[in-house]
Amino acid sequence: MSGADLHEKDLSGAKLYRANLSGAKLYGANLSGASLSGADLSGSSLSAANLSGAYLQKANLSGAYLQKADLSKATLYGADLQNAVLFGANLEGAKLKGANLEGAKLKGANIEEAIK
């Protein structure tokens, strides 16, 4: 599914463990509660996507575009967010223990109550 065009699709609750979604177009998609543990989302466009409550343990989100994405209460333990663009994203209550945020762009992001 690398490079797939899934923008504005309803994928809420989807089981996408270890899926290869690198470079996918997922902007505006509903991925709330989706299981994306170990998935490769590197370089994907997830702007304005709903990832609230999603499971993204050890997911690769390096270089992903997550502007204004909703990641509230998402589980991102050990996720790679290196160089991800998170301008204006909502990370309230997200679980970030062990996540790599090196080079991530967080201007305007809400990181209140995010757990490290």
PDB file of N, CA and C in Angstrom:
ATOM      1  N   MET A   1       0.826  -1.195   0.000  1.00  0.00           N
ATOM      2  CA  MET A   1       0.000   0.000   0.000  1.00  0.00           C
ATOM      3  C   MET A   1       0.869   1.257   0.000  1.00  0.00           C
ATOM      4  N   SER A   2       2.137   1.075  -0.275  1.00  0.00           N
ATOM      5  CA  SER A   2       3.059   2.198  -0.361  1.00  0.00           C
ATOM      6  C   SER A   2       2.570   3.175  -1.425  1.00  0.00           C
ATOM      7  N   GLY A   3       2.490   4.463  -1.062  1.00  0.00           N
ATOM      8  CA  GLY A   3       2.062   5.488  -2.010  1.00  0.00           C
ATOM      9  C   GLY A   3       0.572   5.506  -2.287  1.00  0.00           C
ATOM     10  N   ALA A   4      -0.216   4.731  -1.565  1.00  0.00           N
ATOM     11  CA  ALA A   4      -1.663   4.643  -1.797  1.00  0.00           C
ATOM     12  C   ALA A   4      -2.350   5.989  -1.569  1.00  0.00           C
ATOM     13  N   ASP A   5      -3.414   6.234  -2.317  1.00  0.00           N
ATOM     14  CA  ASP A   5      -4.213   7.449  -2.138  1.00  0.00           C
ATOM     15  C   ASP A   5      -5.450   7.089  -1.321  1.00  0.00           C
ATOM     16  N   LEU A   6      -5.395   7.399  -0.036  1.00  0.00           N
ATOM     17  CA  LEU A   6      -6.488   7.085   0.886  1.00  0.00           C
ATOM     18  C   LEU A   6      -6.992   8.351   1.568  1.00  0.00           C
ATOM     19  N   HIS A   7      -6.815   9.503   0.920  1.00  0.00           N
ATOM     20  CA  HIS A   7      -7.207  10.759   1.562  1.00  0.00           C
ATOM     21  C   HIS A   7      -8.714  10.792   1.813  1.00  0.00           C
ATOM     22  N   GLU A   8      -9.056  11.311   2.993  1.00  0.00           N
ATOM     23  CA  GLU A   8     -10.430  11.476   3.457  1.00  0.00           C
ATOM     24  C   GLU A   8     -11.202  10.163   3.580  1.00  0.00           C
ATOM     25  N   LYS A   9     -10.529   9.030   3.596  1.00  0.00           N
ATOM     26  CA  LYS A   9     -11.192   7.728   3.776  1.00  0.00           C
ATOM     27  C   LYS A   9     -11.453   7.477   5.256  1.00  0.00           C
ATOM     28  N   ASP A  10     -12.482   6.700   5.555  1.00  0.00           N
ATOM     29  CA  ASP A  10     -12.777   6.313   6.932  1.00  0.00           C
ATOM     30  C   ASP A  10     -12.119   4.970   7.210  1.00  0.00           C
ATOM     31  N   LEU A  11     -11.014   5.019   7.938  1.00  0.00           N
ATOM     32  CA  LEU A  11     -10.265   3.819   8.304  1.00  0.00           C
ATOM     33  C   LEU A  11     -10.262   3.660   9.823  1.00  0.00           C
ATOM     34  N   SER A  12     -11.277   4.225  10.469  1.00  0.00           N
ATOM     35  CA  SER A  12     -11.337   4.163  11.929  1.00  0.00           C
ATOM     36  C   SER A  12     -11.387   2.710  12.387  1.00  0.00           C
ATOM     37  N   GLY A  13     -10.575   2.405  13.387  1.00  0.00           N
ATOM     38  CA  GLY A  13     -10.532   1.055  13.940  1.00  0.00           C
ATOM     39  C   GLY A  13      -9.852   0.021  13.057  1.00  0.00           C
ATOM     40  N   ALA A  14      -9.281   0.435  11.944  1.00  0.00           N
ATOM     41  CA  ALA A  14      -8.638  -0.512  11.017  1.00  0.00           C
ATOM     42  C   ALA A  14      -7.436  -1.190  11.665  1.00  0.00           C
ATOM     43  N   LYS A  15      -7.203  -2.433  11.302  1.00  0.00           N
ATOM     44  CA  LYS A  15      -6.052  -3.208  11.778  1.00  0.00           C
ATOM     45  C   LYS A  15      -4.990  -3.174  10.681  1.00  0.00           C
ATOM     46  N   LEU A  16      -4.010  -2.315  10.854  1.00  0.00           N
ATOM     47  CA  LEU A  16      -2.974  -2.122   9.841  1.00  0.00           C
ATOM     48  C   LEU A  16      -1.587  -2.346  10.433  1.00  0.00           C
ATOM     49  N   TYR A  17      -1.462  -3.385  11.251  1.00  0.00           N
ATOM     50  CA  TYR A  17      -0.183  -3.719  11.873  1.00  0.00           C
ATOM     51  C   TYR A  17       0.892  -3.902  10.808  1.00  0.00           C
ATOM     52  N   ARG A  18       2.024  -3.268  11.010  1.00  0.00           N
ATOM     53  CA  ARG A  18       3.192  -3.400  10.139  1.00  0.00           C
ATOM     54  C   ARG A  18       2.897  -3.131   8.655  1.00  0.00           C
ATOM     55  N   ALA A  19       1.848  -2.386   8.364  1.00  0.00           N
ATOM     56  CA  ALA A  19       1.511  -2.061   6.972  1.00  0.00           C
ATOM     57  C   ALA A  19       2.546  -1.102   6.386  1.00  0.00           C
ATOM     58  N   ASN A  20       2.824  -1.250   5.106  1.00  0.00           N
ATOM     59  CA  ASN A  20       3.725  -0.328   4.423  1.00  0.00           C
ATOM     60  C   ASN A  20       2.883   0.756   3.762  1.00  0.00           C
ATOM     61  N   LEU A  21       2.812   1.900   4.438  1.00  0.00           N
ATOM     62  CA  LEU A  21       2.058   3.044   3.937  1.00  0.00           C
ATOM     63  C   LEU A  21       3.000   4.219   3.665  1.00  0.00           C
ATOM     64  N   SER A  22       4.246   3.915   3.402  1.00  0.00           N
ATOM     65  CA  SER A  22       5.221   4.984   3.151  1.00  0.00           C
ATOM     66  C   SER A  22       4.783   5.805   1.941  1.00  0.00           C
ATOM     67  N   GLY A  23       4.832   7.115   2.104  1.00  0.00           N
ATOM     68  CA  GLY A  23       4.461   8.014   1.019  1.00  0.00           C
ATOM     69  C   GLY A  23       2.978   8.045   0.700  1.00  0.00           C
ATOM     70  N   ALA A  24       2.154   7.419   1.528  1.00  0.00           N
ATOM     71  CA  ALA A  24       0.710   7.378   1.264  1.00  0.00           C
ATOM     72  C   ALA A  24       0.066   8.749   1.455  1.00  0.00           C
ATOM     73  N   LYS A  25      -1.010   8.977   0.737  1.00  0.00           N
ATOM     74  CA  LYS A  25      -1.788  10.206   0.863  1.00  0.00           C
ATOM     75  C   LYS A  25      -2.975   9.898   1.778  1.00  0.00           C
ATOM     76  N   LEU A  26      -2.848  10.323   3.027  1.00  0.00           N
ATOM     77  CA  LEU A  26      -3.862  10.044   4.044  1.00  0.00           C
ATOM     78  C   LEU A  26      -4.408  11.336   4.646  1.00  0.00           C
ATOM     79  N   TYR A  27      -4.204  12.459   3.952  1.00  0.00           N
ATOM     80  CA  TYR A  27      -4.665  13.723   4.514  1.00  0.00           C
ATOM     81  C   TYR A  27      -6.190  13.718   4.652  1.00  0.00           C
ATOM     82  N   GLY A  28      -6.651  14.178   5.826  1.00  0.00           N
ATOM     83  CA  GLY A  28      -8.074  14.232   6.107  1.00  0.00           C
ATOM     84  C   GLY A  28      -8.708  12.886   6.396  1.00  0.00           C
ATOM     85  N   ALA A  29      -7.927  11.822   6.444  1.00  0.00           N
ATOM     86  CA  ALA A  29      -8.472  10.476   6.696  1.00  0.00           C
ATOM     87  C   ALA A  29      -8.837  10.311   8.170  1.00  0.00           C
ATOM     88  N   ASN A  30      -9.807   9.453   8.430  1.00  0.00           N
ATOM     89  CA  ASN A  30     -10.189   9.127   9.801  1.00  0.00           C
ATOM     90  C   ASN A  30      -9.540   7.799  10.176  1.00  0.00           C
ATOM     91  N   LEU A  31      -8.516   7.875  11.014  1.00  0.00           N
ATOM     92  CA  LEU A  31      -7.795   6.693  11.494  1.00  0.00           C
ATOM     93  C   LEU A  31      -7.945   6.573  13.011  1.00  0.00           C
ATOM     94  N   SER A  32      -9.013   7.141  13.548  1.00  0.00           N
ATOM     95  CA  SER A  32      -9.199   7.108  14.999  1.00  0.00           C
ATOM     96  C   SER A  32      -9.311   5.662  15.471  1.00  0.00           C
ATOM     97  N   GLY A  33      -8.575   5.352  16.530  1.00  0.00           N
ATOM     98  CA  GLY A  33      -8.603   4.011  17.100  1.00  0.00           C
ATOM     99  C   GLY A  33      -7.969   2.938  16.233  1.00  0.00           C
ATOM    100  N   ALA A  34      -7.337   3.324  15.142  1.00  0.00           N
ATOM    101  CA  ALA A  34      -6.707   2.338  14.249  1.00  0.00           C
ATOM    102  C   ALA A  34      -5.463   1.741  14.902  1.00  0.00           C
ATOM    103  N   SER A  35      -5.165   0.510  14.554  1.00  0.00           N
ATOM    104  CA  SER A  35      -3.972  -0.182  15.050  1.00  0.00           C
ATOM    105  C   SER A  35      -2.910  -0.146  13.960  1.00  0.00           C
ATOM    106  N   LEU A  36      -1.905   0.702  14.173  1.00  0.00           N
ATOM    107  CA  LEU A  36      -0.841   0.908  13.193  1.00  0.00           C
ATOM    108  C   LEU A  36       0.520   0.595  13.791  1.00  0.00           C
ATOM    109  N   SER A  37       0.548  -0.279  14.770  1.00  0.00           N
ATOM    110  CA  SER A  37       1.810  -0.633  15.421  1.00  0.00           C
ATOM    111  C   SER A  37       2.787  -1.211  14.404  1.00  0.00           C
ATOM    112  N   GLY A  38       4.007  -0.680  14.407  1.00  0.00           N
ATOM    113  CA  GLY A  38       5.041  -1.166  13.501  1.00  0.00           C
ATOM    114  C   GLY A  38       4.843  -0.783  12.051  1.00  0.00           C
ATOM    115  N   ALA A  39       3.838   0.044  11.750  1.00  0.00           N
ATOM    116  CA  ALA A  39       3.570   0.440  10.365  1.00  0.00           C
ATOM    117  C   ALA A  39       4.618   1.430   9.869  1.00  0.00           C
ATOM    118  N   ASP A  40       4.862   1.411   8.571  1.00  0.00           N
ATOM    119  CA  ASP A  40       5.776   2.362   7.941  1.00  0.00           C
ATOM    120  C   ASP A  40       4.948   3.459   7.285  1.00  0.00           C
ATOM    121  N   LEU A  41       4.935   4.631   7.923  1.00  0.00           N
ATOM    122  CA  LEU A  41       4.214   5.793   7.415  1.00  0.00           C
ATOM    123  C   LEU A  41       5.200   6.904   7.049  1.00  0.00           C
ATOM    124  N   SER A  42       6.443   6.529   6.825  1.00  0.00           N
ATOM    125  CA  SER A  42       7.475   7.525   6.521  1.00  0.00           C
ATOM    126  C   SER A  42       7.110   8.304   5.257  1.00  0.00           C
ATOM    127  N   GLY A  43       7.258   9.625   5.355  1.00  0.00           N
ATOM    128  CA  GLY A  43       6.987  10.485   4.212  1.00  0.00           C
ATOM    129  C   GLY A  43       5.532  10.582   3.815  1.00  0.00           C
ATOM    130  N   SER A  44       4.640  10.057   4.631  1.00  0.00           N
ATOM    131  CA  SER A  44       3.211  10.095   4.309  1.00  0.00           C
ATOM    132  C   SER A  44       2.619  11.471   4.576  1.00  0.00           C
ATOM    133  N   SER A  45       1.544  11.788   3.878  1.00  0.00           N
ATOM    134  CA  SER A  45       0.818  13.031   4.100  1.00  0.00           C
ATOM    135  C   SER A  45      -0.402  12.722   4.960  1.00  0.00           C
ATOM    136  N   LEU A  46      -0.331  13.153   6.225  1.00  0.00           N
ATOM    137  CA  LEU A  46      -1.406  12.910   7.188  1.00  0.00           C
ATOM    138  C   LEU A  46      -1.970  14.226   7.713  1.00  0.00           C
ATOM    139  N   SER A  47      -1.844  15.288   6.954  1.00  0.00           N
ATOM    140  CA  SER A  47      -2.344  16.590   7.377  1.00  0.00           C
ATOM    141  C   SER A  47      -3.844  16.518   7.632  1.00  0.00           C
ATOM    142  N   ALA A  48      -4.265  17.076   8.768  1.00  0.00           N
ATOM    143  CA  ALA A  48      -5.667  17.130   9.179  1.00  0.00           C
ATOM    144  C   ALA A  48      -6.303  15.745   9.336  1.00  0.00           C
ATOM    145  N   ALA A  49      -5.479  14.709   9.457  1.00  0.00           N
ATOM    146  CA  ALA A  49      -6.011  13.355   9.681  1.00  0.00           C
ATOM    147  C   ALA A  49      -6.410  13.196  11.143  1.00  0.00           C
ATOM    148  N   ASN A  50      -7.400  12.359  11.392  1.00  0.00           N
ATOM    149  CA  ASN A  50      -7.830  12.055  12.755  1.00  0.00           C
ATOM    150  C   ASN A  50      -7.180  10.745  13.182  1.00  0.00           C
ATOM    151  N   LEU A  51      -6.190  10.852  14.067  1.00  0.00           N
ATOM    152  CA  LEU A  51      -5.482   9.690  14.604  1.00  0.00           C
ATOM    153  C   LEU A  51      -5.710   9.596  16.111  1.00  0.00           C
ATOM    154  N   SER A  52      -6.799  10.177  16.580  1.00  0.00           N
ATOM    155  CA  SER A  52      -7.062  10.170  18.018  1.00  0.00           C
ATOM    156  C   SER A  52      -7.237   8.733  18.505  1.00  0.00           C
ATOM    157  N   GLY A  53      -6.557   8.422  19.592  1.00  0.00           N
ATOM    158  CA  GLY A  53      -6.652   7.086  20.170  1.00  0.00           C
ATOM    159  C   GLY A  53      -6.039   5.985  19.326  1.00  0.00           C
ATOM    160  N   ALA A  54      -5.304   6.342  18.287  1.00  0.00           N
ATOM    161  CA  ALA A  54      -4.675   5.328  17.427  1.00  0.00           C
ATOM    162  C   ALA A  54      -3.478   4.702  18.137  1.00  0.00           C
ATOM    163  N   TYR A  55      -3.179   3.483  17.777  1.00  0.00           N
ATOM    164  CA  TYR A  55      -2.045   2.740  18.326  1.00  0.00           C
ATOM    165  C   TYR A  55      -0.921   2.755  17.296  1.00  0.00           C
ATOM    166  N   LEU A  56       0.153   3.480  17.627  1.00  0.00           N
ATOM    167  CA  LEU A  56       1.266   3.675  16.700  1.00  0.00           C
ATOM    168  C   LEU A  56       2.596   3.285  17.333  1.00  0.00           C
ATOM    169  N   GLN A  57       2.569   2.268  18.205  1.00  0.00           N
ATOM    170  CA  GLN A  57       3.807   1.827  18.839  1.00  0.00           C
ATOM    171  C   GLN A  57       4.815   1.397  17.774  1.00  0.00           C
ATOM    172  N   LYS A  58       6.030   1.912  17.908  1.00  0.00           N
ATOM    173  CA  LYS A  58       7.138   1.571  17.012  1.00  0.00           C
ATOM    174  C   LYS A  58       6.829   1.822  15.534  1.00  0.00           C
ATOM    175  N   ALA A  59       5.867   2.698  15.261  1.00  0.00           N
ATOM    176  CA  ALA A  59       5.565   3.062  13.874  1.00  0.00           C
ATOM    177  C   ALA A  59       6.636   4.017  13.361  1.00  0.00           C
ATOM    178  N   ASN A  60       6.891   3.976  12.068  1.00  0.00           N
ATOM    179  CA  ASN A  60       7.852   4.876  11.437  1.00  0.00           C
ATOM    180  C   ASN A  60       7.086   6.025  10.794  1.00  0.00           C
ATOM    181  N   LEU A  61       7.159   7.194  11.435  1.00  0.00           N
ATOM    182  CA  LEU A  61       6.514   8.402  10.931  1.00  0.00           C
ATOM    183  C   LEU A  61       7.572   9.443  10.557  1.00  0.00           C
ATOM    184  N   SER A  62       8.777   8.983  10.294  1.00  0.00           N
ATOM    185  CA  SER A  62       9.856   9.920   9.965  1.00  0.00           C
ATOM    186  C   SER A  62       9.523  10.672   8.678  1.00  0.00           C
ATOM    187  N   GLY A  63       9.682  11.985   8.748  1.00  0.00           N
ATOM    188  CA  GLY A  63       9.425  12.817   7.581  1.00  0.00           C
ATOM    189  C   GLY A  63       7.966  12.913   7.182  1.00  0.00           C
ATOM    190  N   ALA A  64       7.063  12.423   8.021  1.00  0.00           N
ATOM    191  CA  ALA A  64       5.631  12.488   7.701  1.00  0.00           C
ATOM    192  C   ALA A  64       5.109  13.911   7.906  1.00  0.00           C
ATOM    193  N   TYR A  65       4.094  14.264   7.160  1.00  0.00           N
ATOM    194  CA  TYR A  65       3.448  15.570   7.266  1.00  0.00           C
ATOM    195  C   TYR A  65       2.167  15.395   8.070  1.00  0.00           C
ATOM    196  N   LEU A  66       2.166  15.959   9.284  1.00  0.00           N
ATOM    197  CA  LEU A  66       1.048  15.793  10.216  1.00  0.00           C
ATOM    198  C   LEU A  66       0.492  17.145  10.655  1.00  0.00           C
ATOM    199  N   GLN A  67       0.551  18.152   9.788  1.00  0.00           N
ATOM    200  CA  GLN A  67       0.034  19.464  10.144  1.00  0.00           C
ATOM    201  C   GLN A  67      -1.439  19.356  10.510  1.00  0.00           C
ATOM    202  N   LYS A  68      -1.781  19.927  11.671  1.00  0.00           N
ATOM    203  CA  LYS A  68      -3.158  19.984  12.160  1.00  0.00           C
ATOM    204  C   LYS A  68      -3.795  18.606  12.314  1.00  0.00           C
ATOM    205  N   ALA A  69      -2.992  17.568  12.405  1.00  0.00           N
ATOM    206  CA  ALA A  69      -3.519  16.219  12.648  1.00  0.00           C
ATOM    207  C   ALA A  69      -3.933  16.100  14.110  1.00  0.00           C
ATOM    208  N   ASP A  70      -4.930  15.275  14.376  1.00  0.00           N
ATOM    209  CA  ASP A  70      -5.379  15.024  15.744  1.00  0.00           C
ATOM    210  C   ASP A  70      -4.778  13.708  16.218  1.00  0.00           C
ATOM    211  N   LEU A  71      -3.781  13.811  17.098  1.00  0.00           N
ATOM    212  CA  LEU A  71      -3.117  12.645  17.684  1.00  0.00           C
ATOM    213  C   LEU A  71      -3.424  12.567  19.181  1.00  0.00           C
ATOM    214  N   SER A  72      -4.525  13.178  19.591  1.00  0.00           N
ATOM    215  CA  SER A  72      -4.865  13.178  21.011  1.00  0.00           C
ATOM    216  C   SER A  72      -5.075  11.746  21.496  1.00  0.00           C
ATOM    217  N   LYS A  73      -4.485  11.459  22.638  1.00  0.00           N
ATOM    218  CA  LYS A  73      -4.574  10.149  23.288  1.00  0.00           C
ATOM    219  C   LYS A  73      -4.051   8.996  22.430  1.00  0.00           C
ATOM    220  N   ALA A  74      -3.256   9.320  21.422  1.00  0.00           N
ATOM    221  CA  ALA A  74      -2.633   8.270  20.605  1.00  0.00           C
ATOM    222  C   ALA A  74      -1.471   7.651  21.375  1.00  0.00           C
ATOM    223  N   THR A  75      -1.212   6.385  21.120  1.00  0.00           N
ATOM    224  CA  THR A  75      -0.098   5.675  21.748  1.00  0.00           C
ATOM    225  C   THR A  75       1.046   5.608  20.742  1.00  0.00           C
ATOM    226  N   LEU A  76       2.127   6.331  21.062  1.00  0.00           N
ATOM    227  CA  LEU A  76       3.269   6.452  20.159  1.00  0.00           C
ATOM    228  C   LEU A  76       4.552   5.948  20.809  1.00  0.00           C
ATOM    229  N   TYR A  77       4.442   4.980  21.706  1.00  0.00           N
ATOM    230  CA  TYR A  77       5.624   4.445  22.379  1.00  0.00           C
ATOM    231  C   TYR A  77       6.637   3.947  21.352  1.00  0.00           C
ATOM    232  N   GLY A  78       7.875   4.452  21.442  1.00  0.00           N
ATOM    233  CA  GLY A  78       8.943   3.988  20.566  1.00  0.00           C
ATOM    234  C   GLY A  78       8.778   4.358  19.105  1.00  0.00           C
ATOM    235  N   ALA A  79       7.835   5.256  18.781  1.00  0.00           N
ATOM    236  CA  ALA A  79       7.612   5.650  17.387  1.00  0.00           C
ATOM    237  C   ALA A  79       8.735   6.567  16.900  1.00  0.00           C
ATOM    238  N   ASP A  80       9.007   6.518  15.615  1.00  0.00           N
ATOM    239  CA  ASP A  80      10.021   7.373  15.006  1.00  0.00           C
ATOM    240  C   ASP A  80       9.331   8.547  14.323  1.00  0.00           C
ATOM    241  N   LEU A  81       9.440   9.728  14.943  1.00  0.00           N
ATOM    242  CA  LEU A  81       8.856  10.957  14.402  1.00  0.00           C
ATOM    243  C   LEU A  81       9.961  11.925  13.966  1.00  0.00           C
ATOM    244  N   GLN A  82      11.128  11.378  13.686  1.00  0.00           N
ATOM    245  CA  GLN A  82      12.264  12.208  13.291  1.00  0.00           C
ATOM    246  C   GLN A  82      11.923  13.008  12.038  1.00  0.00           C
ATOM    247  N   ASN A  83      12.140  14.324  12.121  1.00  0.00           N
ATOM    248  CA  ASN A  83      11.891  15.254  11.011  1.00  0.00           C
ATOM    249  C   ASN A  83      10.433  15.315  10.565  1.00  0.00           C
ATOM    250  N   ALA A  84       9.512  14.829  11.384  1.00  0.00           N
ATOM    251  CA  ALA A  84       8.086  14.932  11.053  1.00  0.00           C
ATOM    252  C   ALA A  84       7.634  16.384  11.209  1.00  0.00           C
ATOM    253  N   VAL A  85       6.659  16.781  10.424  1.00  0.00           N
ATOM    254  CA  VAL A  85       6.115  18.136  10.483  1.00  0.00           C
ATOM    255  C   VAL A  85       4.778  18.065  11.213  1.00  0.00           C
ATOM    256  N   LEU A  86       4.753  18.639  12.425  1.00  0.00           N
ATOM    257  CA  LEU A  86       3.583  18.561  13.302  1.00  0.00           C
ATOM    258  C   LEU A  86       3.028  19.946  13.620  1.00  0.00           C
ATOM    259  N   PHE A  87       3.172  20.897  12.725  1.00  0.00           N
ATOM    260  CA  PHE A  87       2.670  22.250  12.960  1.00  0.00           C
ATOM    261  C   PHE A  87       1.180  22.207  13.283  1.00  0.00           C
ATOM    262  N   GLY A  88       0.807  22.768  14.437  1.00  0.00           N
ATOM    263  CA  GLY A  88      -0.602  22.861  14.805  1.00  0.00           C
ATOM    264  C   GLY A  88      -1.268  21.541  15.126  1.00  0.00           C
ATOM    265  N   ALA A  89      -0.501  20.472  15.272  1.00  0.00           N
ATOM    266  CA  ALA A  89      -1.085  19.153  15.579  1.00  0.00           C
ATOM    267  C   ALA A  89      -1.546  19.097  17.033  1.00  0.00           C
ATOM    268  N   ASN A  90      -2.528  18.259  17.302  1.00  0.00           N
ATOM    269  CA  ASN A  90      -3.030  18.067  18.660  1.00  0.00           C
ATOM    270  C   ASN A  90      -2.477  16.757  19.210  1.00  0.00           C
ATOM    271  N   LEU A  91      -1.551  16.869  20.175  1.00  0.00           N
ATOM    272  CA  LEU A  91      -0.941  15.701  20.817  1.00  0.00           C
ATOM    273  C   LEU A  91      -1.356  15.620  22.286  1.00  0.00           C
ATOM    274  N   GLU A  92      -2.461  16.262  22.627  1.00  0.00           N
ATOM    275  CA  GLU A  92      -2.900  16.279  24.018  1.00  0.00           C
ATOM    276  C   GLU A  92      -3.151  14.858  24.517  1.00  0.00           C
ATOM    277  N   GLY A  93      -2.481  14.514  25.615  1.00  0.00           N
ATOM    278  CA  GLY A  93      -2.666  13.200  26.219  1.00  0.00           C
ATOM    279  C   GLY A  93      -2.015  12.056  25.458  1.00  0.00           C
ATOM    280  N   ALA A  94      -1.222  12.373  24.437  1.00  0.00           N
ATOM    281  CA  ALA A  94      -0.544  11.313  23.673  1.00  0.00           C
ATOM    282  C   ALA A  94       0.541  10.668  24.528  1.00  0.00           C
ATOM    283  N   LYS A  95       0.772   9.394  24.293  1.00  0.00           N
ATOM    284  CA  LYS A  95       1.799   8.645  25.019  1.00  0.00           C
ATOM    285  C   LYS A  95       3.038   8.568  24.130  1.00  0.00           C
ATOM    286  N   LEU A  96       4.100   9.273  24.550  1.00  0.00           N
ATOM    287  CA  LEU A  96       5.288   9.444  23.712  1.00  0.00           C
ATOM    288  C   LEU A  96       6.545   8.797  24.279  1.00  0.00           C
ATOM    289  N   LYS A  97       6.410   7.928  25.257  1.00  0.00           N
ATOM    290  CA  LYS A  97       7.592   7.328  25.885  1.00  0.00           C
ATOM    291  C   LYS A  97       8.447   6.614  24.829  1.00  0.00           C
ATOM    292  N   GLY A  98       9.724   6.986  24.790  1.00  0.00           N
ATOM    293  CA  GLY A  98      10.660   6.349  23.867  1.00  0.00           C
ATOM    294  C   GLY A  98      10.538   6.803  22.428  1.00  0.00           C
ATOM    295  N   ALA A  99       9.641   7.762  22.144  1.00  0.00           N
ATOM    296  CA  ALA A  99       9.479   8.249  20.770  1.00  0.00           C
ATOM    297  C   ALA A  99      10.661   9.133  20.383  1.00  0.00           C
ATOM    298  N   ASN A 100      11.076   9.055  19.131  1.00  0.00           N
ATOM    299  CA  ASN A 100      12.167   9.877  18.607  1.00  0.00           C
ATOM    300  C   ASN A 100      11.562  11.108  17.938  1.00  0.00           C
ATOM    301  N   LEU A 101      11.761  12.275  18.571  1.00  0.00           N
ATOM    302  CA  LEU A 101      11.236  13.533  18.040  1.00  0.00           C
ATOM    303  C   LEU A 101      12.355  14.436  17.513  1.00  0.00           C
ATOM    304  N   GLU A 102      13.520  13.856  17.277  1.00  0.00           N
ATOM    305  CA  GLU A 102      14.663  14.634  16.800  1.00  0.00           C
ATOM    306  C   GLU A 102      14.339  15.299  15.464  1.00  0.00           C
ATOM    307  N   GLY A 103      14.484  16.609  15.429  1.00  0.00           N
ATOM    308  CA  GLY A 103      14.246  17.361  14.198  1.00  0.00           C
ATOM    309  C   GLY A 103      12.781  17.566  13.867  1.00  0.00           C
ATOM    310  N   ALA A 104      11.871  17.076  14.711  1.00  0.00           N
ATOM    311  CA  ALA A 104      10.436  17.252  14.454  1.00  0.00           C
ATOM    312  C   ALA A 104      10.069  18.728  14.596  1.00  0.00           C
ATOM    313  N   LYS A 105       9.168  19.181  13.767  1.00  0.00           N
ATOM    314  CA  LYS A 105       8.722  20.572  13.786  1.00  0.00           C
ATOM    315  C   LYS A 105       7.382  20.626  14.511  1.00  0.00           C
ATOM    316  N   LEU A 106       7.398  21.253  15.703  1.00  0.00           N
ATOM    317  CA  LEU A 106       6.241  21.233  16.600  1.00  0.00           C
ATOM    318  C   LEU A 106       5.615  22.607  16.814  1.00  0.00           C
ATOM    319  N   LYS A 107       5.929  23.590  16.001  1.00  0.00           N
ATOM    320  CA  LYS A 107       5.396  24.938  16.193  1.00  0.00           C
ATOM    321  C   LYS A 107       3.863  24.906  16.216  1.00  0.00           C
ATOM    322  N   GLY A 108       3.301  25.456  17.283  1.00  0.00           N
ATOM    323  CA  GLY A 108       1.851  25.540  17.409  1.00  0.00           C
ATOM    324  C   GLY A 108       1.177  24.240  17.800  1.00  0.00           C
ATOM    325  N   ALA A 109       1.951  23.192  18.040  1.00  0.00           N
ATOM    326  CA  ALA A 109       1.364  21.896  18.427  1.00  0.00           C
ATOM    327  C   ALA A 109       0.924  21.935  19.888  1.00  0.00           C
ATOM    328  N   ASN A 110      -0.163  21.257  20.191  1.00  0.00           N
ATOM    329  CA  ASN A 110      -0.658  21.145  21.560  1.00  0.00           C
ATOM    330  C   ASN A 110      -0.087  19.863  22.152  1.00  0.00           C
ATOM    331  N   ILE A 111       0.839  20.010  23.102  1.00  0.00           N
ATOM    332  CA  ILE A 111       1.449  18.835  23.735  1.00  0.00           C
ATOM    333  C   ILE A 111       1.088  18.759  25.224  1.00  0.00           C
ATOM    334  N   GLU A 112      -0.020  19.416  25.604  1.00  0.00           N
ATOM    335  CA  GLU A 112      -0.462  19.375  26.993  1.00  0.00           C
ATOM    336  C   GLU A 112      -0.775  17.945  27.408  1.00  0.00           C
ATOM    337  N   GLU A 113      -0.325  17.626  28.589  1.00  0.00           N
ATOM    338  CA  GLU A 113      -0.577  16.316  29.193  1.00  0.00           C
ATOM    339  C   GLU A 113      -0.049  15.147  28.366  1.00  0.00           C
ATOM    340  N   ALA A 114       0.843  15.432  27.423  1.00  0.00           N
ATOM    341  CA  ALA A 114       1.480  14.335  26.686  1.00  0.00           C
ATOM    342  C   ALA A 114       2.408  13.611  27.654  1.00  0.00           C
ATOM    343  N   ILE A 115       2.397  12.310  27.631  1.00  0.00           N
ATOM    344  CA  ILE A 115       3.172  11.490  28.558  1.00  0.00           C
ATOM    345  C   ILE A 115       4.457  11.045  27.886  1.00  0.00           C
ATOM    346  N   LYS A 116       5.585  11.368  28.531  1.00  0.00           N
ATOM    347  CA  LYS A 116       6.871  10.969  27.950  1.00  0.00           C
ATOM    348  C   LYS A 116       7.394   9.735  28.579  1.00  0.00           C
TER     349      LYS A 116
END
